[in-house]
């Protein structure tokens, strides 16, 4: 029998569990999902034959409460093992197959589980620590430039190539380091990031929201670095909000504010200082109709992909 891994599509922490399972040399399928896709996805798979899977792993994803109700009633309940670290997911710790720890990342939690069953080389532990440092944004305090580099490489390579490149690096090498080629492209990428942040900072709007003062920008990429850099550059602001009409809303702060409470009100979630929320498709349609008055939408790929 094989395993099924369901993880987050958007970052290193989401795809690294795929790499770990590949290193275990087990037969498995995997699906990478956004949080707003989970309810529909689980509704579908819980109606299918899951008996072909020995384990169903869910990592770095906050499962909706309504979905837990269905999992707990399912004949496949005992196959599920959930590993996550988002504050908005803490309620699920009451279930015996769920592990939520906000002081770790999804990859470290999954690694700690797998190492009880499989033997990993020391280099894998090094890699997992780098992923924790970038996902929890500890890399600056720890001066972990490799972690920062891995985050940038994920966006340069894309998830499929990133998985393969890191798998081969972990499989073949004894010590984790970035190659000369990777360091060269990261230098160019950092210059590109710096220019992008500077450009977006010039267009930042100042907003008042729920007794907070925030900076709002429209931003398609580099969300973590954008949010953290602008928070440092503008200490007068309580938070930074970044809107990507294709990807959703992202919040960042370096203040003692729990932004996940705001994100939850928008059907999102995440950490206190880094979280996000989806943009409903009807809002996008409303925006199009405001810009192009009388516009008729003939086909909507977002609806057809649900």
Protein backbone atom coordinates (compact mmCIF):
# COMPACT_ATOMS: atom_id res chain seq x y z
CA UNK A 1 0.00 0.00 0.00
CA UNK A 2 1.05 3.58 -0.55
CA UNK A 3 0.63 6.84 1.34
CA UNK A 4 -1.12 10.10 0.44
CA UNK A 5 0.40 13.45 1.38
CA UNK A 6 -1.69 16.63 1.29
CA UNK A 7 0.30 19.81 1.89
CA UNK A 8 0.47 23.54 1.25
CA UNK A 9 1.35 24.69 -2.25
CA UNK A 10 2.66 28.18 -1.48
CA UNK A 11 6.05 27.87 0.22
CA UNK A 12 9.07 25.82 1.27
CA UNK A 13 7.34 24.52 4.38
CA UNK A 14 4.50 23.15 2.29
CA UNK A 15 6.60 21.29 -0.29
CA UNK A 16 9.40 20.07 1.99
CA UNK A 17 7.28 17.19 3.40
CA UNK A 18 7.20 15.87 -0.19
CA UNK A 19 11.01 15.83 -0.19
CA UNK A 20 11.09 14.03 3.16
CA UNK A 21 8.78 11.27 1.95
CA UNK A 22 10.83 10.86 -1.23
CA UNK A 23 13.91 10.35 0.94
CA UNK A 24 12.05 7.63 2.87
CA UNK A 25 11.72 5.71 -0.43
CA UNK A 26 8.05 4.97 0.14
CA UNK A 27 5.39 4.78 -2.54
CA UNK A 28 3.12 7.82 -2.22
CA UNK A 29 0.89 10.28 -4.02
CA UNK A 30 0.78 13.93 -3.11
CA UNK A 31 -1.49 16.93 -3.59
CA UNK A 32 -0.45 20.54 -2.96
CA UNK A 33 -3.37 22.81 -2.06
CA UNK A 34 -4.28 26.32 -1.00
CA UNK A 35 -6.19 26.65 2.26
CA UNK A 36 -9.34 27.91 0.54
CA UNK A 37 -9.43 24.74 -1.58
CA UNK A 38 -9.48 22.32 1.35
CA UNK A 39 -13.17 22.05 2.14
CA UNK A 40 -14.15 21.17 -1.44
CA UNK A 41 -11.12 18.89 -1.84
CA UNK A 42 -11.85 16.87 1.30
CA UNK A 43 -15.55 16.68 0.46
CA UNK A 44 -14.52 15.02 -2.79
CA UNK A 45 -11.86 12.59 -1.55
CA UNK A 46 -13.86 11.47 1.49
CA UNK A 47 -16.47 10.18 -0.97
CA UNK A 48 -13.87 8.12 -2.86
CA UNK A 49 -12.14 4.83 -2.08
CA UNK A 50 -9.18 5.66 0.16
CA UNK A 51 -8.49 2.05 1.08
CA UNK A 52 -5.47 2.06 -1.28
CA UNK A 53 -3.65 4.33 1.20
CA UNK A 54 -1.96 3.19 4.36
CA UNK A 55 -1.51 6.73 5.71
CA UNK A 56 -3.05 10.05 4.75
CA UNK A 57 -0.73 12.84 5.88
CA UNK A 58 -1.82 16.49 6.02
CA UNK A 59 0.96 19.02 6.62
CA UNK A 60 1.15 22.82 6.92
CA UNK A 61 -2.58 23.25 6.31
CA UNK A 62 -5.39 24.41 8.61
CA UNK A 63 -8.30 22.03 8.08
CA UNK A 64 -11.79 23.59 8.47
CA UNK A 65 -13.83 22.45 11.48
CA UNK A 66 -16.62 21.21 9.22
CA UNK A 67 -14.10 18.97 7.47
CA UNK A 68 -12.97 17.46 10.78
CA UNK A 69 -16.58 16.53 11.46
CA UNK A 70 -16.58 14.53 8.22
CA UNK A 71 -13.15 12.98 8.82
CA UNK A 72 -14.17 11.87 12.31
CA UNK A 73 -17.26 10.14 10.91
CA UNK A 74 -15.35 8.58 8.02
CA UNK A 75 -14.31 4.92 7.92
CA UNK A 76 -10.86 6.24 6.96
CA UNK A 77 -10.40 8.32 10.12
CA UNK A 78 -7.56 6.15 11.46
CA UNK A 79 -5.54 6.72 8.30
CA UNK A 80 -5.25 10.48 8.90
CA UNK A 81 -2.25 12.13 10.55
CA UNK A 82 -2.21 15.94 10.63
CA UNK A 83 0.85 18.12 11.33
CA UNK A 84 0.47 21.89 11.44
CA UNK A 85 1.66 24.98 13.30
CA UNK A 86 -0.92 27.69 12.66
CA UNK A 87 -2.47 29.33 15.71
CA UNK A 88 -5.94 29.21 14.15
CA UNK A 89 -5.65 25.41 14.04
CA UNK A 90 -4.98 24.84 17.77
CA UNK A 91 -8.56 23.73 18.41
CA UNK A 92 -7.83 20.50 16.52
CA UNK A 93 -5.26 19.28 19.07
CA UNK A 94 -8.13 17.52 20.81
CA UNK A 95 -8.09 14.84 18.09
CA UNK A 96 -5.63 12.00 18.65
CA UNK A 97 -4.39 12.05 15.04
CA UNK A 98 -3.58 15.79 15.03
CA UNK A 99 -0.36 17.51 16.12
CA UNK A 100 -0.39 21.33 16.26
CA UNK A 101 2.62 23.22 17.62
CA UNK A 102 2.94 26.95 16.91
CA UNK A 103 6.62 26.91 17.89
CA UNK A 104 7.53 24.61 15.01
CA UNK A 105 6.79 24.52 11.29
CA UNK A 106 4.95 21.84 9.34
CA UNK A 107 8.21 20.36 8.04
CA UNK A 108 9.81 19.97 11.49
CA UNK A 109 6.69 18.32 12.90
CA UNK A 110 6.53 15.88 10.00
CA UNK A 111 10.28 15.22 10.21
CA UNK A 112 10.02 14.45 13.94
CA UNK A 113 7.28 11.94 13.17
CA UNK A 114 9.06 10.29 10.24
CA UNK A 115 12.45 9.94 11.96
CA UNK A 116 10.84 7.53 14.41
CA UNK A 117 10.17 5.21 11.48
CA UNK A 118 12.92 6.04 8.98
CA UNK A 119 16.61 6.86 9.23
CA UNK A 120 17.74 10.23 7.87
CA UNK A 121 21.23 11.54 7.26
CA UNK A 122 22.49 14.53 9.25
CA UNK A 123 22.14 16.76 6.21
CA UNK A 124 18.35 16.33 6.32
CA UNK A 125 18.21 17.65 9.89
CA UNK A 126 20.24 20.68 8.73
CA UNK A 127 17.81 21.31 5.87
CA UNK A 128 14.76 20.99 8.15
CA UNK A 129 16.25 23.57 10.52
CA UNK A 130 16.73 26.01 7.62
CA UNK A 131 13.07 25.56 6.64
CA UNK A 132 11.96 26.27 10.20
CA UNK A 133 14.09 29.42 10.29
CA UNK A 134 12.60 30.81 7.09
CA UNK A 135 9.01 29.78 7.79
CA UNK A 136 8.97 31.26 11.30
CA UNK A 137 11.11 34.18 10.05
CA UNK A 138 13.90 33.37 12.51
CA UNK A 139 16.60 33.58 9.88
CA UNK A 140 17.49 37.21 10.54
CA UNK A 141 18.09 36.75 14.27
CA UNK A 142 20.03 33.55 13.58
CA UNK A 143 21.80 35.03 10.53
CA UNK A 144 20.73 31.96 8.55
CA UNK A 145 21.41 33.19 5.03
CA UNK A 146 20.94 29.68 3.64
CA UNK A 147 17.34 29.72 4.87
CA UNK A 148 16.77 33.06 3.12
CA UNK A 149 18.39 31.61 -0.01
CA UNK A 150 16.11 28.57 0.06
CA UNK A 151 13.07 30.81 0.21
CA UNK A 152 14.25 32.72 -2.86
CA UNK A 153 15.17 29.53 -4.71
CA UNK A 154 11.66 28.21 -4.18
CA UNK A 155 10.26 31.21 -6.05
CA UNK A 156 12.94 31.03 -8.75
CA UNK A 157 12.66 27.30 -9.40
CA UNK A 158 8.94 26.79 -8.82
CA UNK A 159 7.65 23.96 -6.65
CA UNK A 160 8.35 21.03 -9.01
CA UNK A 161 11.98 21.86 -9.76
CA UNK A 162 12.60 22.96 -6.16
CA UNK A 163 11.44 19.56 -4.86
CA UNK A 164 13.72 17.71 -7.28
CA UNK A 165 16.76 19.96 -6.71
CA UNK A 166 16.54 19.70 -2.92
CA UNK A 167 15.85 15.96 -3.05
CA UNK A 168 18.99 15.36 -5.10
CA UNK A 169 21.05 17.67 -2.85
CA UNK A 170 19.90 15.85 0.29
CA UNK A 171 20.34 12.43 -1.27
CA UNK A 172 23.86 12.96 -2.63
CA UNK A 173 25.61 15.34 -0.21
CA UNK A 174 26.85 15.00 3.35
CA UNK A 175 26.58 18.67 4.39
CA UNK A 176 23.91 21.12 3.36
CA UNK A 177 25.14 24.13 1.40
CA UNK A 178 24.18 26.13 -1.63
CA UNK A 179 26.17 25.68 -4.82
CA UNK A 180 28.19 28.41 -6.52
CA UNK A 181 25.54 28.60 -9.24
CA UNK A 182 22.75 28.95 -6.69
CA UNK A 183 24.60 31.74 -4.86
CA UNK A 184 25.14 33.60 -8.13
CA UNK A 185 21.47 33.54 -9.11
CA UNK A 186 20.48 34.45 -5.54
CA UNK A 187 22.64 37.58 -5.74
CA UNK A 188 20.83 38.62 -8.90
CA UNK A 189 17.48 37.73 -7.34
CA UNK A 190 18.17 39.87 -4.26
CA UNK A 191 18.89 42.86 -6.46
CA UNK A 192 15.59 42.23 -8.20
CA UNK A 193 13.74 41.94 -4.87
CA UNK A 194 15.25 45.19 -3.58
CA UNK A 195 14.14 47.05 -6.71
CA UNK A 196 10.64 45.57 -6.48
CA UNK A 197 10.20 46.53 -2.83
CA UNK A 198 11.42 50.08 -3.49
CA UNK A 199 8.97 50.43 -6.37
CA UNK A 200 6.02 49.14 -4.35
CA UNK A 201 6.90 51.23 -1.29
CA UNK A 202 6.45 54.39 -3.37
CA UNK A 203 2.85 53.33 -4.15
CA UNK A 204 1.89 52.30 -0.59
CA UNK A 205 -1.44 53.62 0.73
CA UNK A 206 -1.99 54.36 4.43
CA UNK A 207 -5.24 52.95 5.83
CA UNK A 208 -7.15 52.91 9.12
CA UNK A 209 -8.69 49.53 9.97
CA UNK A 210 -10.06 48.30 13.32
CA UNK A 211 -8.21 50.95 15.34
CA UNK A 212 -4.95 50.13 13.55
CA UNK A 213 -2.95 52.12 11.02
CA UNK A 214 -1.66 50.00 8.16
CA UNK A 215 0.23 50.26 4.93
CA UNK A 216 -1.52 48.74 1.91
CA UNK A 217 0.10 47.75 -1.35
CA UNK A 218 -0.84 45.65 -4.36
CA UNK A 219 1.86 43.00 -4.51
CA UNK A 220 2.19 39.79 -6.53
CA UNK A 221 5.38 38.31 -5.03
CA UNK A 222 8.02 38.43 -2.28
CA UNK A 223 5.30 38.80 0.35
CA UNK A 224 7.34 37.86 3.42
CA UNK A 225 10.32 40.03 2.53
CA UNK A 226 8.06 42.85 1.38
CA UNK A 227 6.01 42.81 4.58
CA UNK A 228 8.98 42.56 6.91
CA UNK A 229 11.04 45.21 5.10
CA UNK A 230 8.19 47.70 5.03
CA UNK A 231 7.41 47.02 8.71
CA UNK A 232 11.00 47.94 9.57
CA UNK A 233 11.04 50.97 7.25
CA UNK A 234 7.76 52.27 8.67
CA UNK A 235 7.66 51.75 12.45
CA UNK A 236 4.73 54.17 12.63
CA UNK A 237 2.52 51.52 10.97
CA UNK A 238 0.87 48.69 12.90
CA UNK A 239 0.87 46.26 9.98
CA UNK A 240 1.41 45.84 6.26
CA UNK A 241 -1.32 44.35 4.07
CA UNK A 242 -0.49 43.07 0.58
CA UNK A 243 -3.21 42.35 -1.95
CA UNK A 244 -2.69 39.99 -4.86
CA UNK A 245 -5.90 39.62 -6.84
CA UNK A 246 -4.74 36.23 -8.11
CA UNK A 247 -3.45 34.92 -4.79
CA UNK A 248 -5.30 36.66 -1.95
CA UNK A 249 -4.48 38.98 0.96
CA UNK A 250 -1.33 38.76 3.12
CA UNK A 251 -0.71 40.47 6.46
CA UNK A 252 2.65 41.11 8.17
CA UNK A 253 3.67 42.97 11.34
CA UNK A 254 6.59 43.30 13.74
CA UNK A 255 4.34 44.71 16.47
CA UNK A 256 2.65 42.85 19.33
CA UNK A 257 -0.55 42.40 17.34
CA UNK A 258 -2.42 39.18 16.56
CA UNK A 259 -3.23 39.66 12.88
CA UNK A 260 -4.67 36.14 12.64
CA UNK A 261 -7.81 37.49 14.33
CA UNK A 262 -8.31 39.89 11.41
CA UNK A 263 -7.53 37.14 8.89
CA UNK A 264 -10.09 34.80 10.48
CA UNK A 265 -12.80 37.43 9.99
CA UNK A 266 -11.92 37.33 6.28
CA UNK A 267 -12.14 33.49 6.18
CA UNK A 268 -8.37 33.17 6.41
CA UNK A 269 -5.87 32.41 9.13
CA UNK A 270 -2.23 31.84 9.96
CA UNK A 271 0.19 33.17 12.55
CA UNK A 272 -0.11 36.22 14.79
CA UNK A 273 2.45 38.21 12.80
CA UNK A 274 2.09 36.56 9.37
CA UNK A 275 -1.23 35.41 7.97
CA UNK A 276 -3.53 35.67 4.99
CA UNK A 277 -7.02 35.41 3.58
CA UNK A 278 -8.60 34.60 0.20
CA UNK A 279 -10.31 37.13 -2.02
CA UNK A 280 -13.81 35.84 -2.90
CA UNK A 281 -14.37 35.45 -6.63
CA UNK A 282 -17.49 37.64 -6.49
CA UNK A 283 -15.36 40.58 -5.29
CA UNK A 284 -13.12 40.17 -8.34
CA UNK A 285 -16.15 40.15 -10.61
CA UNK A 286 -17.50 43.26 -8.88
CA UNK A 287 -14.18 45.04 -9.44
CA UNK A 288 -14.19 44.11 -13.14
CA UNK A 289 -17.74 45.44 -13.49
CA UNK A 290 -16.77 48.71 -11.77
CA UNK A 291 -13.81 49.20 -14.13
CA UNK A 292 -15.52 47.95 -17.30
CA UNK A 293 -19.13 49.06 -16.87
CA UNK A 294 -21.51 46.73 -18.67
CA UNK A 295 -18.83 44.04 -19.04
CA UNK A 296 -20.13 40.49 -19.58
CA UNK A 297 -17.88 37.68 -18.33
CA UNK A 298 -18.15 34.85 -20.87
CA UNK A 299 -15.92 32.35 -19.06
CA UNK A 300 -14.47 32.28 -15.54
CA UNK A 301 -11.56 29.84 -15.09
CA UNK A 302 -11.63 30.25 -11.31
CA UNK A 303 -15.19 28.93 -11.13
CA UNK A 304 -14.48 26.09 -13.57
CA UNK A 305 -11.43 24.97 -11.54
CA UNK A 306 -13.38 24.50 -8.31
